[in-house]
């Protein structure tokens, strides 16, 4: 909708929905990362996660700016091109999450090195 609409109302609704859905993954990812890491190493891992996130944002924003300035797809401006690429990456990312986390390991046994938690 963001890539193809000319309606401000549709674009605003799509943006709010996209933002809400994107922010839903952060608490789950942060909790999972802290759960599988030794408590002594949690600060370091969190710092590395944050640094990797910021570096990825710098690279993707730079690349996105170049794509927006230099490309068009389906007769649209470069913004549509970046949104279509983003859609493809979301699909790949969702498929990877599904593949890696959808099923519990056989017999309910956690992966090696991951101790089951008994906390509520």
PDB file of N, CA and C in Angstrom:
ATOM      1  N   UNK A   1       0.824  -1.194   0.000  1.00  0.00           N
ATOM      2  CA  UNK A   1       0.000   0.000   0.000  1.00  0.00           C
ATOM      3  C   UNK A   1       0.868   1.257   0.000  1.00  0.00           C
ATOM      4  N   UNK A   2       1.963   1.246   0.776  1.00  0.00           N
ATOM      5  CA  UNK A   2       2.841   2.413   0.801  1.00  0.00           C
ATOM      6  C   UNK A   2       3.492   2.657  -0.549  1.00  0.00           C
ATOM      7  N   UNK A   3       3.785   1.600  -1.271  1.00  0.00           N
ATOM      8  CA  UNK A   3       4.477   1.741  -2.547  1.00  0.00           C
ATOM      9  C   UNK A   3       3.554   2.165  -3.674  1.00  0.00           C
ATOM     10  N   UNK A   4       2.277   1.833  -3.597  1.00  0.00           N
ATOM     11  CA  UNK A   4       1.398   2.015  -4.747  1.00  0.00           C
ATOM     12  C   UNK A   4       0.283   3.041  -4.573  1.00  0.00           C
ATOM     13  N   UNK A   5      -0.002   3.464  -3.362  1.00  0.00           N
ATOM     14  CA  UNK A   5      -1.158   4.335  -3.156  1.00  0.00           C
ATOM     15  C   UNK A   5      -0.843   5.806  -3.432  1.00  0.00           C
ATOM     16  N   UNK A   6      -1.876   6.523  -3.822  1.00  0.00           N
ATOM     17  CA  UNK A   6      -1.787   7.973  -3.958  1.00  0.00           C
ATOM     18  C   UNK A   6      -2.640   8.635  -2.885  1.00  0.00           C
ATOM     19  N   UNK A   7      -3.262   7.814  -2.025  1.00  0.00           N
ATOM     20  CA  UNK A   7      -4.151   8.308  -0.978  1.00  0.00           C
ATOM     21  C   UNK A   7      -3.384   8.495   0.330  1.00  0.00           C
ATOM     22  N   UNK A   8      -3.456   9.681   0.886  1.00  0.00           N
ATOM     23  CA  UNK A   8      -2.773   9.955   2.145  1.00  0.00           C
ATOM     24  C   UNK A   8      -3.324   9.084   3.266  1.00  0.00           C
ATOM     25  N   UNK A   9      -4.648   8.902   3.306  1.00  0.00           N
ATOM     26  CA  UNK A   9      -5.260   8.102   4.365  1.00  0.00           C
ATOM     27  C   UNK A   9      -4.776   6.656   4.325  1.00  0.00           C
ATOM     28  N   UNK A  10      -4.721   6.070   3.135  1.00  0.00           N
ATOM     29  CA  UNK A  10      -4.246   4.695   2.993  1.00  0.00           C
ATOM     30  C   UNK A  10      -2.776   4.606   3.386  1.00  0.00           C
ATOM     31  N   UNK A  11      -1.973   5.570   2.961  1.00  0.00           N
ATOM     32  CA  UNK A  11      -0.544   5.567   3.280  1.00  0.00           C
ATOM     33  C   UNK A  11      -0.319   5.685   4.787  1.00  0.00           C
ATOM     34  N   UNK A  12      -1.067   6.566   5.449  1.00  0.00           N
ATOM     35  CA  UNK A  12      -0.920   6.728   6.899  1.00  0.00           C
ATOM     36  C   UNK A  12      -1.335   5.440   7.616  1.00  0.00           C
ATOM     37  N   UNK A  13      -2.449   4.854   7.222  1.00  0.00           N
ATOM     38  CA  UNK A  13      -2.890   3.596   7.842  1.00  0.00           C
ATOM     39  C   UNK A  13      -1.879   2.478   7.638  1.00  0.00           C
ATOM     40  N   UNK A  14      -1.354   2.367   6.431  1.00  0.00           N
ATOM     41  CA  UNK A  14      -0.360   1.326   6.140  1.00  0.00           C
ATOM     42  C   UNK A  14       0.922   1.572   6.930  1.00  0.00           C
ATOM     43  N   UNK A  15       1.322   2.818   7.056  1.00  0.00           N
ATOM     44  CA  UNK A  15       2.541   3.139   7.812  1.00  0.00           C
ATOM     45  C   UNK A  15       2.382   2.785   9.284  1.00  0.00           C
ATOM     46  N   UNK A  16       1.249   3.136   9.874  1.00  0.00           N
ATOM     47  CA  UNK A  16       1.009   2.827  11.290  1.00  0.00           C
ATOM     48  C   UNK A  16       0.982   1.315  11.507  1.00  0.00           C
ATOM     49  N   UNK A  17       0.303   0.590  10.635  1.00  0.00           N
ATOM     50  CA  UNK A  17       0.243  -0.871  10.752  1.00  0.00           C
ATOM     51  C   UNK A  17       1.636  -1.481  10.597  1.00  0.00           C
ATOM     52  N   UNK A  18       2.402  -1.031   9.617  1.00  0.00           N
ATOM     53  CA  UNK A  18       3.764  -1.537   9.399  1.00  0.00           C
ATOM     54  C   UNK A  18       4.635  -1.270  10.619  1.00  0.00           C
ATOM     55  N   UNK A  19       4.543  -0.070  11.162  1.00  0.00           N
ATOM     56  CA  UNK A  19       5.348   0.295  12.331  1.00  0.00           C
ATOM     57  C   UNK A  19       4.989  -0.577  13.536  1.00  0.00           C
ATOM     58  N   UNK A  20       3.709  -0.803  13.760  1.00  0.00           N
ATOM     59  CA  UNK A  20       3.280  -1.637  14.889  1.00  0.00           C
ATOM     60  C   UNK A  20       3.770  -3.072  14.727  1.00  0.00           C
ATOM     61  N   UNK A  21       3.623  -3.617  13.533  1.00  0.00           N
ATOM     62  CA  UNK A  21       4.062  -4.998  13.305  1.00  0.00           C
ATOM     63  C   UNK A  21       5.574  -5.134  13.431  1.00  0.00           C
ATOM     64  N   UNK A  22       6.327  -4.169  12.932  1.00  0.00           N
ATOM     65  CA  UNK A  22       7.786  -4.236  13.030  1.00  0.00           C
ATOM     66  C   UNK A  22       8.242  -4.164  14.480  1.00  0.00           C
ATOM     67  N   UNK A  23       7.583  -3.374  15.294  1.00  0.00           N
ATOM     68  CA  UNK A  23       8.003  -3.220  16.685  1.00  0.00           C
ATOM     69  C   UNK A  23       7.598  -4.396  17.567  1.00  0.00           C
ATOM     70  N   UNK A  24       6.712  -5.267  17.079  1.00  0.00           N
ATOM     71  CA  UNK A  24       6.310  -6.432  17.871  1.00  0.00           C
ATOM     72  C   UNK A  24       7.453  -7.432  18.026  1.00  0.00           C
ATOM     73  N   UNK A  25       8.372  -7.469  17.096  1.00  0.00           N
ATOM     74  CA  UNK A  25       9.439  -8.475  17.124  1.00  0.00           C
ATOM     75  C   UNK A  25      10.548  -8.113  18.118  1.00  0.00           C
ATOM     76  N   UNK A  26      10.739  -6.863  18.436  1.00  0.00           N
ATOM     77  CA  UNK A  26      11.872  -6.462  19.273  1.00  0.00           C
ATOM     78  C   UNK A  26      11.852  -7.078  20.672  1.00  0.00           C
ATOM     79  N   UNK A  27      10.749  -7.038  21.419  1.00  0.00           N
ATOM     80  CA  UNK A  27      10.769  -7.664  22.748  1.00  0.00           C
ATOM     81  C   UNK A  27      11.017  -9.174  22.690  1.00  0.00           C
ATOM     82  N   UNK A  28      10.447  -9.838  21.690  1.00  0.00           N
ATOM     83  CA  UNK A  28      10.635 -11.281  21.564  1.00  0.00           C
ATOM     84  C   UNK A  28      12.097 -11.596  21.254  1.00  0.00           C
ATOM     85  N   UNK A  29      12.680 -10.880  20.297  1.00  0.00           N
ATOM     86  CA  UNK A  29      14.077 -11.108  19.936  1.00  0.00           C
ATOM     87  C   UNK A  29      15.029 -10.801  21.085  1.00  0.00           C
ATOM     88  N   UNK A  30      14.793  -9.706  21.793  1.00  0.00           N
ATOM     89  CA  UNK A  30      15.654  -9.337  22.922  1.00  0.00           C
ATOM     90  C   UNK A  30      15.547 -10.375  24.043  1.00  0.00           C
ATOM     91  N   UNK A  31      14.335 -10.823  24.340  1.00  0.00           N
ATOM     92  CA  UNK A  31      14.141 -11.820  25.382  1.00  0.00           C
ATOM     93  C   UNK A  31      14.814 -13.134  25.012  1.00  0.00           C
ATOM     94  N   UNK A  32      14.656 -13.555  23.757  1.00  0.00           N
ATOM     95  CA  UNK A  32      15.283 -14.795  23.309  1.00  0.00           C
ATOM     96  C   UNK A  32      16.804 -14.693  23.421  1.00  0.00           C
ATOM     97  N   UNK A  33      17.369 -13.580  22.979  1.00  0.00           N
ATOM     98  CA  UNK A  33      18.826 -13.408  23.036  1.00  0.00           C
ATOM     99  C   UNK A  33      19.329 -13.459  24.472  1.00  0.00           C
ATOM    100  N   UNK A  34      18.626 -12.831  25.382  1.00  0.00           N
ATOM    101  CA  UNK A  34      19.069 -12.823  26.775  1.00  0.00           C
ATOM    102  C   UNK A  34      18.861 -14.178  27.445  1.00  0.00           C
ATOM    103  N   UNK A  35      17.890 -14.924  26.984  1.00  0.00           N
ATOM    104  CA  UNK A  35      17.600 -16.233  27.555  1.00  0.00           C
ATOM    105  C   UNK A  35      18.667 -17.262  27.206  1.00  0.00           C
ATOM    106  N   UNK A  36      19.229 -17.189  26.020  1.00  0.00           N
ATOM    107  CA  UNK A  36      20.184 -18.206  25.568  1.00  0.00           C
ATOM    108  C   UNK A  36      21.634 -17.834  25.855  1.00  0.00           C
ATOM    109  N   UNK A  37      21.866 -16.666  26.448  1.00  0.00           N
ATOM    110  CA  UNK A  37      23.228 -16.207  26.719  1.00  0.00           C
ATOM    111  C   UNK A  37      23.512 -16.307  28.211  1.00  0.00           C
ATOM    112  N   UNK A  38      24.733 -16.667  28.533  1.00  0.00           N
ATOM    113  CA  UNK A  38      25.189 -16.716  29.909  1.00  0.00           C
ATOM    114  C   UNK A  38      24.980 -15.336  30.547  1.00  0.00           C
ATOM    115  N   UNK A  39      24.444 -15.275  31.774  1.00  0.00           N
ATOM    116  CA  UNK A  39      24.186 -13.975  32.406  1.00  0.00           C
ATOM    117  C   UNK A  39      25.400 -13.050  32.451  1.00  0.00           C
ATOM    118  N   UNK A  40      26.583 -13.592  32.565  1.00  0.00           N
ATOM    119  CA  UNK A  40      27.790 -12.768  32.611  1.00  0.00           C
ATOM    120  C   UNK A  40      28.029 -12.074  31.272  1.00  0.00           C
ATOM    121  N   UNK A  41      27.591 -12.665  30.178  1.00  0.00           N
ATOM    122  CA  UNK A  41      27.847 -12.129  28.841  1.00  0.00           C
ATOM    123  C   UNK A  41      26.681 -11.327  28.278  1.00  0.00           C
ATOM    124  N   UNK A  42      25.620 -11.160  29.008  1.00  0.00           N
ATOM    125  CA  UNK A  42      24.427 -10.490  28.484  1.00  0.00           C
ATOM    126  C   UNK A  42      24.678  -9.047  28.080  1.00  0.00           C
ATOM    127  N   UNK A  43      25.425  -8.308  28.876  1.00  0.00           N
ATOM    128  CA  UNK A  43      25.701  -6.904  28.534  1.00  0.00           C
ATOM    129  C   UNK A  43      26.474  -6.824  27.220  1.00  0.00           C
ATOM    130  N   UNK A  44      27.477  -7.679  27.064  1.00  0.00           N
ATOM    131  CA  UNK A  44      28.283  -7.673  25.840  1.00  0.00           C
ATOM    132  C   UNK A  44      27.420  -8.051  24.630  1.00  0.00           C
ATOM    133  N   UNK A  45      26.610  -9.087  24.778  1.00  0.00           N
ATOM    134  CA  UNK A  45      25.753  -9.524  23.667  1.00  0.00           C
ATOM    135  C   UNK A  45      24.752  -8.437  23.303  1.00  0.00           C
ATOM    136  N   UNK A  46      24.165  -7.789  24.298  1.00  0.00           N
ATOM    137  CA  UNK A  46      23.218  -6.713  24.025  1.00  0.00           C
ATOM    138  C   UNK A  46      23.912  -5.566  23.290  1.00  0.00           C
ATOM    139  N   UNK A  47      25.124  -5.219  23.707  1.00  0.00           N
ATOM    140  CA  UNK A  47      25.882  -4.177  23.018  1.00  0.00           C
ATOM    141  C   UNK A  47      26.186  -4.551  21.571  1.00  0.00           C
ATOM    142  N   UNK A  48      26.572  -5.804  21.343  1.00  0.00           N
ATOM    143  CA  UNK A  48      26.843  -6.266  19.985  1.00  0.00           C
ATOM    144  C   UNK A  48      25.579  -6.262  19.135  1.00  0.00           C
ATOM    145  N   UNK A  49      24.455  -6.674  19.727  1.00  0.00           N
ATOM    146  CA  UNK A  49      23.180  -6.640  18.994  1.00  0.00           C
ATOM    147  C   UNK A  49      22.829  -5.218  18.591  1.00  0.00           C
ATOM    148  N   UNK A  50      22.982  -4.282  19.516  1.00  0.00           N
ATOM    149  CA  UNK A  50      22.659  -2.881  19.227  1.00  0.00           C
ATOM    150  C   UNK A  50      23.593  -2.308  18.161  1.00  0.00           C
ATOM    151  N   UNK A  51      24.883  -2.618  18.258  1.00  0.00           N
ATOM    152  CA  UNK A  51      25.841  -2.121  17.270  1.00  0.00           C
ATOM    153  C   UNK A  51      25.529  -2.690  15.889  1.00  0.00           C
ATOM    154  N   UNK A  52      25.233  -3.987  15.828  1.00  0.00           N
ATOM    155  CA  UNK A  52      24.900  -4.605  14.540  1.00  0.00           C
ATOM    156  C   UNK A  52      23.640  -3.973  13.959  1.00  0.00           C
ATOM    157  N   UNK A  53      22.667  -3.692  14.810  1.00  0.00           N
ATOM    158  CA  UNK A  53      21.427  -3.073  14.356  1.00  0.00           C
ATOM    159  C   UNK A  53      21.708  -1.686  13.775  1.00  0.00           C
ATOM    160  N   UNK A  54      22.490  -0.888  14.470  1.00  0.00           N
ATOM    161  CA  UNK A  54      22.777   0.477  14.003  1.00  0.00           C
ATOM    162  C   UNK A  54      23.609   0.458  12.727  1.00  0.00           C
ATOM    163  N   UNK A  55      24.576  -0.456  12.630  1.00  0.00           N
ATOM    164  CA  UNK A  55      25.386  -0.558  11.412  1.00  0.00           C
ATOM    165  C   UNK A  55      24.502  -0.956  10.238  1.00  0.00           C
ATOM    166  N   UNK A  56      23.595  -1.902  10.468  1.00  0.00           N
ATOM    167  CA  UNK A  56      22.669  -2.312   9.409  1.00  0.00           C
ATOM    168  C   UNK A  56      21.789  -1.139   8.976  1.00  0.00           C
ATOM    169  N   UNK A  57      21.335  -0.316   9.921  1.00  0.00           N
ATOM    170  CA  UNK A  57      20.525   0.847   9.577  1.00  0.00           C
ATOM    171  C   UNK A  57      21.320   1.843   8.725  1.00  0.00           C
ATOM    172  N   UNK A  58      22.570   2.079   9.085  1.00  0.00           N
ATOM    173  CA  UNK A  58      23.403   3.010   8.312  1.00  0.00           C
ATOM    174  C   UNK A  58      23.554   2.512   6.880  1.00  0.00           C
ATOM    175  N   UNK A  59      23.890   1.244   6.726  1.00  0.00           N
ATOM    176  CA  UNK A  59      24.097   0.682   5.390  1.00  0.00           C
ATOM    177  C   UNK A  59      22.795   0.686   4.595  1.00  0.00           C
ATOM    178  N   UNK A  60      21.702   0.228   5.219  1.00  0.00           N
ATOM    179  CA  UNK A  60      20.437   0.145   4.488  1.00  0.00           C
ATOM    180  C   UNK A  60      19.896   1.525   4.127  1.00  0.00           C
ATOM    181  N   UNK A  61      20.053   2.504   5.003  1.00  0.00           N
ATOM    182  CA  UNK A  61      19.594   3.861   4.670  1.00  0.00           C
ATOM    183  C   UNK A  61      20.405   4.467   3.544  1.00  0.00           C
ATOM    184  N   UNK A  62      21.705   4.225   3.554  1.00  0.00           N
ATOM    185  CA  UNK A  62      22.548   4.731   2.467  1.00  0.00           C
ATOM    186  C   UNK A  62      22.174   4.078   1.143  1.00  0.00           C
ATOM    187  N   UNK A  63      22.043   2.764   1.145  1.00  0.00           N
ATOM    188  CA  UNK A  63      21.663   2.034  -0.058  1.00  0.00           C
ATOM    189  C   UNK A  63      20.253   2.423  -0.508  1.00  0.00           C
ATOM    190  N   UNK A  64      19.336   2.555   0.444  1.00  0.00           N
ATOM    191  CA  UNK A  64      17.973   2.964   0.114  1.00  0.00           C
ATOM    192  C   UNK A  64      17.923   4.339  -0.520  1.00  0.00           C
ATOM    193  N   UNK A  65      18.729   5.272  -0.015  1.00  0.00           N
ATOM    194  CA  UNK A  65      18.779   6.611  -0.603  1.00  0.00           C
ATOM    195  C   UNK A  65      19.249   6.584  -2.045  1.00  0.00           C
ATOM    196  N   UNK A  66      20.269   5.778  -2.315  1.00  0.00           N
ATOM    197  CA  UNK A  66      20.773   5.644  -3.685  1.00  0.00           C
ATOM    198  C   UNK A  66      19.695   5.029  -4.578  1.00  0.00           C
ATOM    199  N   UNK A  67      19.031   3.972  -4.096  1.00  0.00           N
ATOM    200  CA  UNK A  67      17.977   3.331  -4.883  1.00  0.00           C
ATOM    201  C   UNK A  67      16.818   4.282  -5.172  1.00  0.00           C
ATOM    202  N   UNK A  68      16.411   5.041  -4.170  1.00  0.00           N
ATOM    203  CA  UNK A  68      15.307   5.983  -4.360  1.00  0.00           C
ATOM    204  C   UNK A  68      15.686   7.041  -5.399  1.00  0.00           C
ATOM    205  N   UNK A  69      16.913   7.514  -5.335  1.00  0.00           N
ATOM    206  CA  UNK A  69      17.353   8.568  -6.253  1.00  0.00           C
ATOM    207  C   UNK A  69      17.543   8.080  -7.685  1.00  0.00           C
ATOM    208  N   UNK A  70      17.888   6.799  -7.872  1.00  0.00           N
ATOM    209  CA  UNK A  70      18.307   6.352  -9.196  1.00  0.00           C
ATOM    210  C   UNK A  70      17.392   5.334  -9.874  1.00  0.00           C
ATOM    211  N   UNK A  71      16.358   4.859  -9.229  1.00  0.00           N
ATOM    212  CA  UNK A  71      15.566   3.788  -9.836  1.00  0.00           C
ATOM    213  C   UNK A  71      14.090   4.125  -9.884  1.00  0.00           C
ATOM    214  N   UNK A  72      13.408   3.361 -10.702  1.00  0.00           N
ATOM    215  CA  UNK A  72      11.950   3.376 -10.718  1.00  0.00           C
ATOM    216  C   UNK A  72      11.503   1.997 -11.169  1.00  0.00           C
ATOM    217  N   UNK A  73      10.311   1.621 -10.759  1.00  0.00           N
ATOM    218  CA  UNK A  73       9.770   0.315 -11.136  1.00  0.00           C
ATOM    219  C   UNK A  73       8.283   0.499 -11.415  1.00  0.00           C
ATOM    220  N   UNK A  74       7.800  -0.135 -12.433  1.00  0.00           N
ATOM    221  CA  UNK A  74       6.386  -0.038 -12.821  1.00  0.00           C
ATOM    222  C   UNK A  74       5.952   1.409 -13.037  1.00  0.00           C
ATOM    223  N   UNK A  75       6.871   2.249 -13.518  1.00  0.00           N
ATOM    224  CA  UNK A  75       6.539   3.639 -13.779  1.00  0.00           C
ATOM    225  C   UNK A  75       6.400   4.482 -12.522  1.00  0.00           C
ATOM    226  N   UNK A  76       6.778   3.922 -11.389  1.00  0.00           N
ATOM    227  CA  UNK A  76       6.718   4.654 -10.115  1.00  0.00           C
ATOM    228  C   UNK A  76       8.085   5.222  -9.779  1.00  0.00           C
ATOM    229  N   UNK A  77       8.119   6.063  -8.745  1.00  0.00           N
ATOM    230  CA  UNK A  77       9.407   6.598  -8.320  1.00  0.00           C
ATOM    231  C   UNK A  77      10.220   5.535  -7.582  1.00  0.00           C
ATOM    232  N   UNK A  78      11.429   5.897  -7.190  1.00  0.00           N
ATOM    233  CA  UNK A  78      12.331   4.959  -6.532  1.00  0.00           C
ATOM    234  C   UNK A  78      11.842   4.479  -5.184  1.00  0.00           C
ATOM    235  N   UNK A  79      10.930   5.229  -4.560  1.00  0.00           N
ATOM    236  CA  UNK A  79      10.389   4.793  -3.271  1.00  0.00           C
ATOM    237  C   UNK A  79       9.675   3.460  -3.431  1.00  0.00           C
ATOM    238  N   UNK A  80       8.943   3.292  -4.517  1.00  0.00           N
ATOM    239  CA  UNK A  80       8.244   2.031  -4.765  1.00  0.00           C
ATOM    240  C   UNK A  80       9.243   0.889  -4.916  1.00  0.00           C
ATOM    241  N   UNK A  81      10.362   1.143  -5.564  1.00  0.00           N
ATOM    242  CA  UNK A  81      11.394   0.113  -5.740  1.00  0.00           C
ATOM    243  C   UNK A  81      11.887  -0.375  -4.385  1.00  0.00           C
ATOM    244  N   UNK A  82      12.201   0.560  -3.494  1.00  0.00           N
ATOM    245  CA  UNK A  82      12.699   0.153  -2.176  1.00  0.00           C
ATOM    246  C   UNK A  82      11.635  -0.593  -1.384  1.00  0.00           C
ATOM    247  N   UNK A  83      10.367  -0.213  -1.555  1.00  0.00           N
ATOM    248  CA  UNK A  83       9.299  -0.918  -0.833  1.00  0.00           C
ATOM    249  C   UNK A  83       9.129  -2.344  -1.360  1.00  0.00           C
ATOM    250  N   UNK A  84       9.246  -2.544  -2.668  1.00  0.00           N
ATOM    251  CA  UNK A  84       9.138  -3.896  -3.220  1.00  0.00           C
ATOM    252  C   UNK A  84      10.303  -4.768  -2.764  1.00  0.00           C
ATOM    253  N   UNK A  85      11.489  -4.194  -2.699  1.00  0.00           N
ATOM    254  CA  UNK A  85      12.648  -4.937  -2.179  1.00  0.00           C
ATOM    255  C   UNK A  85      12.410  -5.290  -0.713  1.00  0.00           C
ATOM    256  N   UNK A  86      11.878  -4.337   0.051  1.00  0.00           N
ATOM    257  CA  UNK A  86      11.587  -4.572   1.457  1.00  0.00           C
ATOM    258  C   UNK A  86      10.569  -5.694   1.631  1.00  0.00           C
ATOM    259  N   UNK A  87       9.534  -5.701   0.799  1.00  0.00           N
ATOM    260  CA  UNK A  87       8.531  -6.771   0.864  1.00  0.00           C
ATOM    261  C   UNK A  87       9.201  -8.122   0.671  1.00  0.00           C
ATOM    262  N   UNK A  88      10.076  -8.220  -0.316  1.00  0.00           N
ATOM    263  CA  UNK A  88      10.792  -9.475  -0.549  1.00  0.00           C
ATOM    264  C   UNK A  88      11.640  -9.883   0.644  1.00  0.00           C
ATOM    265  N   UNK A  89      12.331  -8.920   1.239  1.00  0.00           N
ATOM    266  CA  UNK A  89      13.154  -9.224   2.410  1.00  0.00           C
ATOM    267  C   UNK A  89      12.304  -9.618   3.612  1.00  0.00           C
ATOM    268  N   UNK A  90      11.136  -8.996   3.789  1.00  0.00           N
ATOM    269  CA  UNK A  90      10.227  -9.393   4.868  1.00  0.00           C
ATOM    270  C   UNK A  90       9.764 -10.839   4.686  1.00  0.00           C
ATOM    271  N   UNK A  91       9.458 -11.201   3.457  1.00  0.00           N
ATOM    272  CA  UNK A  91       9.019 -12.574   3.182  1.00  0.00           C
ATOM    273  C   UNK A  91      10.137 -13.561   3.509  1.00  0.00           C
ATOM    274  N   UNK A  92      11.356 -13.247   3.073  1.00  0.00           N
ATOM    275  CA  UNK A  92      12.496 -14.124   3.372  1.00  0.00           C
ATOM    276  C   UNK A  92      12.722 -14.213   4.883  1.00  0.00           C
ATOM    277  N   UNK A  93      12.700 -13.084   5.574  1.00  0.00           N
ATOM    278  CA  UNK A  93      12.894 -13.070   7.023  1.00  0.00           C
ATOM    279  C   UNK A  93      11.810 -13.841   7.757  1.00  0.00           C
ATOM    280  N   UNK A  94      10.560 -13.668   7.338  1.00  0.00           N
ATOM    281  CA  UNK A  94       9.458 -14.405   7.970  1.00  0.00           C
ATOM    282  C   UNK A  94       9.594 -15.899   7.751  1.00  0.00           C
ATOM    283  N   UNK A  95       9.990 -16.284   6.542  1.00  0.00           N
ATOM    284  CA  UNK A  95      10.193 -17.707   6.251  1.00  0.00           C
ATOM    285  C   UNK A  95      11.321 -18.280   7.099  1.00  0.00           C
ATOM    286  N   UNK A  96      12.378 -17.496   7.309  1.00  0.00           N
ATOM    287  CA  UNK A  96      13.486 -17.972   8.140  1.00  0.00           C
ATOM    288  C   UNK A  96      13.043 -18.136   9.589  1.00  0.00           C
ATOM    289  N   UNK A  97      12.287 -17.179  10.133  1.00  0.00           N
ATOM    290  CA  UNK A  97      11.761 -17.321  11.497  1.00  0.00           C
ATOM    291  C   UNK A  97      10.894 -18.571  11.583  1.00  0.00           C
ATOM    292  N   UNK A  98      10.028 -18.742  10.621  1.00  0.00           N
ATOM    293  CA  UNK A  98       9.133 -19.910  10.621  1.00  0.00           C
ATOM    294  C   UNK A  98       9.941 -21.196  10.593  1.00  0.00           C
ATOM    295  N   UNK A  99      10.924 -21.242   9.722  1.00  0.00           N
ATOM    296  CA  UNK A  99      11.739 -22.460   9.571  1.00  0.00           C
ATOM    297  C   UNK A  99      12.505 -22.790  10.848  1.00  0.00           C
ATOM    298  N   UNK A 100      13.094 -21.795  11.481  1.00  0.00           N
ATOM    299  CA  UNK A 100      13.935 -22.047  12.637  1.00  0.00           C
ATOM    300  C   UNK A 100      13.173 -22.174  13.956  1.00  0.00           C
ATOM    301  N   UNK A 101      12.011 -21.532  14.083  1.00  0.00           N
ATOM    302  CA  UNK A 101      11.363 -21.466  15.386  1.00  0.00           C
ATOM    303  C   UNK A 101       9.942 -22.009  15.434  1.00  0.00           C
ATOM    304  N   UNK A 102       9.386 -22.459  14.335  1.00  0.00           N
ATOM    305  CA  UNK A 102       7.985 -22.882  14.335  1.00  0.00           C
ATOM    306  C   UNK A 102       7.762 -24.192  15.060  1.00  0.00           C
ATOM    307  N   UNK A 103       8.677 -25.115  14.964  1.00  0.00           N
ATOM    308  CA  UNK A 103       8.487 -26.427  15.571  1.00  0.00           C
ATOM    309  C   UNK A 103       9.431 -26.611  16.748  1.00  0.00           C
ATOM    310  N   UNK A 104       8.904 -27.257  17.780  1.00  0.00           N
ATOM    311  CA  UNK A 104       9.744 -27.591  18.916  1.00  0.00           C
ATOM    312  C   UNK A 104      10.610 -28.779  18.537  1.00  0.00           C
ATOM    313  N   UNK A 105      11.853 -28.820  19.030  1.00  0.00           N
ATOM    314  CA  UNK A 105      12.708 -29.964  18.706  1.00  0.00           C
ATOM    315  C   UNK A 105      12.065 -31.289  19.120  1.00  0.00           C
ATOM    316  N   UNK A 106      12.453 -32.360  18.463  1.00  0.00           N
ATOM    317  CA  UNK A 106      11.891 -33.688  18.733  1.00  0.00           C
ATOM    318  C   UNK A 106      11.996 -34.018  20.209  1.00  0.00           C
ATOM    319  N   UNK A 107      10.908 -34.500  20.779  1.00  0.00           N
ATOM    320  CA  UNK A 107      10.897 -34.898  22.183  1.00  0.00           C
ATOM    321  C   UNK A 107      10.888 -33.742  23.146  1.00  0.00           C
ATOM    322  N   UNK A 108      10.755 -32.523  22.650  1.00  0.00           N
ATOM    323  CA  UNK A 108      10.723 -31.357  23.526  1.00  0.00           C
ATOM    324  C   UNK A 108      12.067 -31.061  24.167  1.00  0.00           C
ATOM    325  N   UNK A 109      13.146 -31.614  23.622  1.00  0.00           N
ATOM    326  CA  UNK A 109      14.474 -31.398  24.183  1.00  0.00           C
ATOM    327  C   UNK A 109      15.050 -30.116  23.599  1.00  0.00           C
ATOM    328  N   UNK A 110      15.539 -29.202  24.435  1.00  0.00           N
ATOM    329  CA  UNK A 110      16.095 -27.954  23.913  1.00  0.00           C
ATOM    330  C   UNK A 110      17.378 -28.208  23.135  1.00  0.00           C
ATOM    331  N   UNK A 111      17.726 -27.251  22.317  1.00  0.00           N
ATOM    332  CA  UNK A 111      18.948 -27.343  21.522  1.00  0.00           C
ATOM    333  C   UNK A 111      20.159 -27.437  22.445  1.00  0.00           C
ATOM    334  N   UNK A 112      21.257 -28.032  21.974  1.00  0.00           N
ATOM    335  CA  UNK A 112      22.458 -28.146  22.809  1.00  0.00           C
ATOM    336  C   UNK A 112      22.925 -26.786  23.297  1.00  0.00           C
ATOM    337  N   UNK A 113      23.296 -26.731  24.554  1.00  0.00           N
ATOM    338  CA  UNK A 113      23.797 -25.497  25.133  1.00  0.00           C
ATOM    339  C   UNK A 113      22.711 -24.578  25.662  1.00  0.00           C
ATOM    340  N   UNK A 114      21.443 -24.933  25.455  1.00  0.00           N
ATOM    341  CA  UNK A 114      20.341 -24.104  25.941  1.00  0.00           C
ATOM    342  C   UNK A 114      19.662 -24.856  27.072  1.00  0.00           C
ATOM    343  N   UNK A 115      19.760 -24.301  28.248  1.00  0.00           N
ATOM    344  CA  UNK A 115      19.143 -24.926  29.410  1.00  0.00           C
ATOM    345  C   UNK A 115      17.688 -24.485  29.510  1.00  0.00           C
ATOM    346  N   UNK A 116      16.768 -25.402  29.762  1.00  0.00           N
ATOM    347  CA  UNK A 116      15.371 -24.989  29.915  1.00  0.00           C
ATOM    348  C   UNK A 116      15.212 -24.127  31.163  1.00  0.00           C
ATOM    349  N   UNK A 117      14.349 -23.136  31.072  1.00  0.00           N
ATOM    350  CA  UNK A 117      14.117 -22.258  32.206  1.00  0.00           C
ATOM    351  C   UNK A 117      12.932 -22.760  33.003  1.00  0.00           C
ATOM    352  N   UNK A 118      12.993 -22.535  34.314  1.00  0.00           N
ATOM    353  CA  UNK A 118      11.886 -22.937  35.165  1.00  0.00           C
ATOM    354  C   UNK A 118      11.171 -21.728  35.729  1.00  0.00           C
ATOM    355  N   UNK A 119      11.644 -20.541  35.339  1.00  0.00           N
ATOM    356  CA  UNK A 119      11.026 -19.307  35.815  1.00  0.00           C
ATOM    357  C   UNK A 119       9.723 -19.039  35.082  1.00  0.00           C
ATOM    358  N   UNK A 120       8.800 -18.342  35.768  1.00  0.00           N
ATOM    359  CA  UNK A 120       7.530 -17.989  35.134  1.00  0.00           C
ATOM    360  C   UNK A 120       7.625 -16.620  34.553  1.00  0.00           C
TER     361      UNK A 120
END
